[in-house]
Amino acid sequence: MHQIKAYLDQIATISQSDWDFFTSKLERRVIPKKTVFLKLDAIENHISFIESGVVRLFIPKDNPEKEITFGFSFKDQFISAYDSFLTQKPSAYQLQALTDTTLLSISYDDLQAVYKTTEIGNLIGRLAAERLFLIKSKREQHLLNLTAEERYLKLFNERPELLKDIPLKYISSYIGVTAQALSRIRKRI
């Protein structure tokens, strides 16, 4: 709980009563490595804060080699299939723990109660929404403005730990190239 508290304390002062109510609604979930914990067409019922681990957002395909990885989330970040969470409609993608992952999760109904009961509730919701929007926006801008090699370099300048935690096939999908093209990029660098 100290990680999410430290994260939120950077942004706002939280009263003890708000903090106590909020944390009473959090559930710690431990997700084993390689587990898909939100499946295609399931309704996302949680916003989660990653205490440890790496999560991949992807669109599954019949042929696993054709899956489309479009996001990663890391320790001290929020994760959710946020569009599904907001609309309470089935998700068009999946969430997978790439490493053993520990999440602090709040359900849709519990978050609504936090919104109604506390002063901090709206801040928490806004922070999660902003974080998830920024990931999406940044990815779109990179795909439109950077070459595959620039996307690769940027990814590893920002997240050098990716090399040990994320298989190259997911990285190639994320930057929008084939595994062979990524191999050529890596040889050139």
Protein backbone atom coordinates (compact mmCIF):
# COMPACT_ATOMS: atom_id res chain seq x y z
CA MET A 1 0.00 0.00 0.00
CA HIS A 2 2.93 2.35 0.57
CA GLN A 3 3.66 2.59 -3.17
CA ILE A 4 0.21 3.80 -4.16
CA LYS A 5 0.20 6.15 -1.16
CA ALA A 6 3.55 7.62 -2.21
CA TYR A 7 2.28 7.97 -5.78
CA LEU A 8 -0.89 9.79 -4.70
CA ASP A 9 0.92 11.92 -2.08
CA GLN A 10 2.97 13.46 -4.91
CA ILE A 11 -0.22 14.93 -6.30
CA ALA A 12 -2.47 15.75 -3.36
CA THR A 13 -2.88 15.66 0.38
CA ILE A 14 -5.19 12.84 1.39
CA SER A 15 -7.09 12.93 4.66
CA GLN A 16 -6.73 9.85 6.86
CA SER A 17 -10.47 9.10 6.63
CA ASP A 18 -10.40 9.26 2.81
CA TRP A 19 -7.29 7.07 2.73
CA ASP A 20 -8.82 4.53 5.09
CA PHE A 21 -12.03 4.33 3.04
CA PHE A 22 -10.13 4.06 -0.25
CA THR A 23 -7.75 1.36 0.97
CA SER A 24 -10.65 -0.63 2.44
CA LYS A 25 -11.86 -1.03 -1.15
CA LEU A 26 -8.52 -2.19 -2.59
CA GLU A 27 -7.89 -5.86 -3.26
CA ARG A 28 -4.36 -7.21 -3.68
CA ARG A 29 -4.21 -9.63 -6.61
CA VAL A 30 -1.16 -11.73 -7.45
CA ILE A 31 -1.07 -12.70 -11.12
CA PRO A 32 1.36 -15.45 -12.17
CA LYS A 33 3.72 -14.85 -15.08
CA LYS A 34 2.12 -15.30 -18.56
CA THR A 35 -1.45 -15.26 -17.17
CA VAL A 36 -4.11 -13.47 -19.21
CA PHE A 37 -6.16 -11.83 -16.47
CA LEU A 38 -8.62 -9.97 -18.69
CA LYS A 39 -9.79 -11.99 -21.67
CA LEU A 40 -11.23 -10.78 -24.97
CA ASP A 41 -14.95 -9.93 -24.68
CA ALA A 42 -14.86 -9.89 -20.87
CA ILE A 43 -16.01 -6.72 -19.12
CA GLU A 44 -13.21 -4.92 -17.27
CA ASN A 45 -14.30 -4.51 -13.69
CA HIS A 46 -11.08 -3.11 -12.18
CA ILE A 47 -8.64 -0.27 -12.27
CA SER A 48 -5.38 -1.52 -10.83
CA PHE A 49 -2.13 -0.06 -9.57
CA ILE A 50 0.90 -2.22 -10.34
CA GLU A 51 2.95 -2.84 -7.18
CA SER A 52 5.35 -5.09 -9.08
CA GLY A 53 5.55 -6.65 -12.51
CA VAL A 54 4.90 -5.91 -16.17
CA VAL A 55 1.55 -6.07 -17.97
CA ARG A 56 0.99 -6.33 -21.72
CA LEU A 57 -2.10 -5.02 -23.54
CA PHE A 58 -2.77 -6.93 -26.76
CA ILE A 59 -5.27 -7.97 -29.40
CA PRO A 60 -5.26 -11.76 -29.68
CA LYS A 61 -5.34 -13.56 -33.03
CA ASP A 62 -5.91 -17.20 -33.98
CA ASN A 63 -2.22 -17.36 -34.85
CA PRO A 64 -0.29 -16.17 -31.76
CA GLU A 65 2.46 -14.83 -34.06
CA LYS A 66 -0.06 -12.29 -35.41
CA GLU A 67 -1.10 -10.88 -32.02
CA ILE A 68 -0.90 -7.10 -31.81
CA THR A 69 0.80 -5.73 -28.71
CA PHE A 70 -0.12 -2.09 -28.24
CA GLY A 71 0.90 -1.30 -24.70
CA PHE A 72 2.92 -2.17 -21.62
CA SER A 73 2.46 -1.02 -18.04
CA PHE A 74 5.01 -1.25 -15.26
CA LYS A 75 5.50 -0.96 -11.51
CA ASP A 76 3.94 2.19 -10.00
CA GLN A 77 1.53 2.68 -12.92
CA PHE A 78 -2.20 2.19 -13.33
CA ILE A 79 -3.53 -0.50 -15.66
CA SER A 80 -7.01 -1.24 -16.99
CA ALA A 81 -8.90 -1.95 -20.18
CA TYR A 82 -10.21 1.49 -19.43
CA ASP A 83 -12.67 1.82 -22.30
CA SER A 84 -14.37 -1.40 -21.17
CA PHE A 85 -14.22 -0.24 -17.53
CA LEU A 86 -15.91 3.08 -18.30
CA THR A 87 -18.63 1.68 -20.56
CA GLN A 88 -19.00 -1.68 -18.77
CA LYS A 89 -19.01 -3.26 -22.24
CA PRO A 90 -16.85 -6.21 -23.44
CA SER A 91 -13.16 -5.54 -23.99
CA ALA A 92 -11.69 -5.67 -27.50
CA TYR A 93 -8.29 -6.69 -26.11
CA GLN A 94 -6.61 -8.66 -23.35
CA LEU A 95 -4.33 -7.95 -20.39
CA GLN A 96 -1.48 -10.34 -19.62
CA ALA A 97 1.08 -10.44 -16.83
CA LEU A 98 4.49 -10.86 -18.50
CA THR A 99 6.16 -11.38 -15.13
CA ASP A 100 4.79 -12.37 -11.75
CA THR A 101 2.68 -9.30 -11.05
CA THR A 102 1.07 -7.84 -7.94
CA LEU A 103 -1.85 -5.46 -8.38
CA LEU A 104 -3.88 -3.30 -6.04
CA SER A 105 -7.30 -3.32 -7.68
CA ILE A 106 -10.52 -1.46 -7.10
CA SER A 107 -13.77 -2.64 -8.66
CA TYR A 108 -16.09 -0.45 -10.70
CA ASP A 109 -18.75 -0.42 -7.96
CA ASP A 110 -16.23 0.29 -5.21
CA LEU A 111 -14.71 3.14 -7.20
CA GLN A 112 -18.17 4.67 -7.59
CA ALA A 113 -18.53 4.47 -3.78
CA VAL A 114 -15.13 6.15 -3.35
CA TYR A 115 -16.24 8.93 -5.74
CA LYS A 116 -19.38 9.52 -3.70
CA THR A 117 -17.86 9.21 -0.22
CA THR A 118 -14.43 10.86 -0.37
CA GLU A 119 -12.77 14.02 -1.56
CA ILE A 120 -9.89 11.99 -3.03
CA GLY A 121 -12.10 9.75 -5.19
CA ASN A 122 -12.35 12.02 -8.20
CA LEU A 123 -8.61 12.69 -8.07
CA ILE A 124 -7.82 8.97 -8.15
CA GLY A 125 -10.19 8.42 -11.07
CA ARG A 126 -8.76 11.38 -12.95
CA LEU A 127 -5.16 10.27 -12.39
CA ALA A 128 -5.88 6.78 -13.68
CA ALA A 129 -7.72 8.18 -16.71
CA GLU A 130 -4.95 10.66 -17.48
CA ARG A 131 -2.26 7.99 -17.22
CA LEU A 132 -4.10 5.62 -19.53
CA PHE A 133 -4.87 8.42 -22.03
CA LEU A 134 -1.24 9.54 -22.13
CA ILE A 135 -0.06 6.01 -22.91
CA LYS A 136 -2.49 5.81 -25.82
CA SER A 137 -1.69 9.28 -27.14
CA LYS A 138 2.07 8.76 -26.93
CA ARG A 139 1.86 5.45 -28.77
CA GLU A 140 -0.22 6.97 -31.58
CA GLN A 141 2.19 9.88 -31.96
CA HIS A 142 5.19 7.55 -32.07
CA LEU A 143 3.58 5.35 -34.72
CA LEU A 144 2.79 8.40 -36.86
CA ASN A 145 5.99 10.41 -36.40
CA LEU A 146 8.90 8.05 -35.73
CA THR A 147 10.61 5.37 -37.76
CA ALA A 148 10.64 1.83 -36.41
CA GLU A 149 14.27 2.28 -35.36
CA GLU A 150 13.44 5.54 -33.56
CA ARG A 151 10.50 3.86 -31.78
CA TYR A 152 12.78 1.03 -30.67
CA LEU A 153 15.47 3.41 -29.37
CA LYS A 154 12.92 5.59 -27.60
CA LEU A 155 11.32 2.59 -25.94
CA PHE A 156 14.63 1.40 -24.53
CA ASN A 157 15.85 4.82 -23.51
CA GLU A 158 12.64 5.18 -21.48
CA ARG A 159 12.43 1.55 -20.28
CA PRO A 160 15.81 -0.22 -20.45
CA GLU A 161 14.48 -3.02 -18.24
CA LEU A 162 12.33 -4.19 -21.14
CA LEU A 163 15.14 -6.30 -22.55
CA LYS A 164 15.01 -8.70 -19.61
CA ASP A 165 11.24 -8.78 -19.03
CA ILE A 166 9.57 -8.63 -22.44
CA PRO A 167 10.01 -11.14 -25.27
CA LEU A 168 11.25 -9.58 -28.51
CA LYS A 169 8.16 -10.77 -30.42
CA TYR A 170 6.01 -8.49 -28.23
CA ILE A 171 8.41 -5.59 -28.67
CA SER A 172 8.42 -5.99 -32.46
CA SER A 173 4.62 -6.00 -32.48
CA TYR A 174 4.53 -2.95 -30.21
CA ILE A 175 6.81 -0.88 -32.46
CA GLY A 176 4.95 -2.10 -35.54
CA VAL A 177 7.52 -4.29 -37.28
CA THR A 178 8.10 -7.98 -37.88
CA ALA A 179 10.46 -9.93 -35.64
CA GLN A 180 12.89 -10.13 -38.58
CA ALA A 181 12.84 -6.34 -39.04
CA LEU A 182 13.48 -5.86 -35.31
CA SER A 183 16.42 -8.24 -35.55
CA ARG A 184 17.88 -6.11 -38.37
CA ILE A 185 17.33 -2.93 -36.35
CA ARG A 186 19.07 -4.45 -33.34
CA LYS A 187 22.07 -5.52 -35.49
CA ARG A 188 22.44 -1.99 -36.86
CA ILE A 189 22.44 -0.39 -33.41
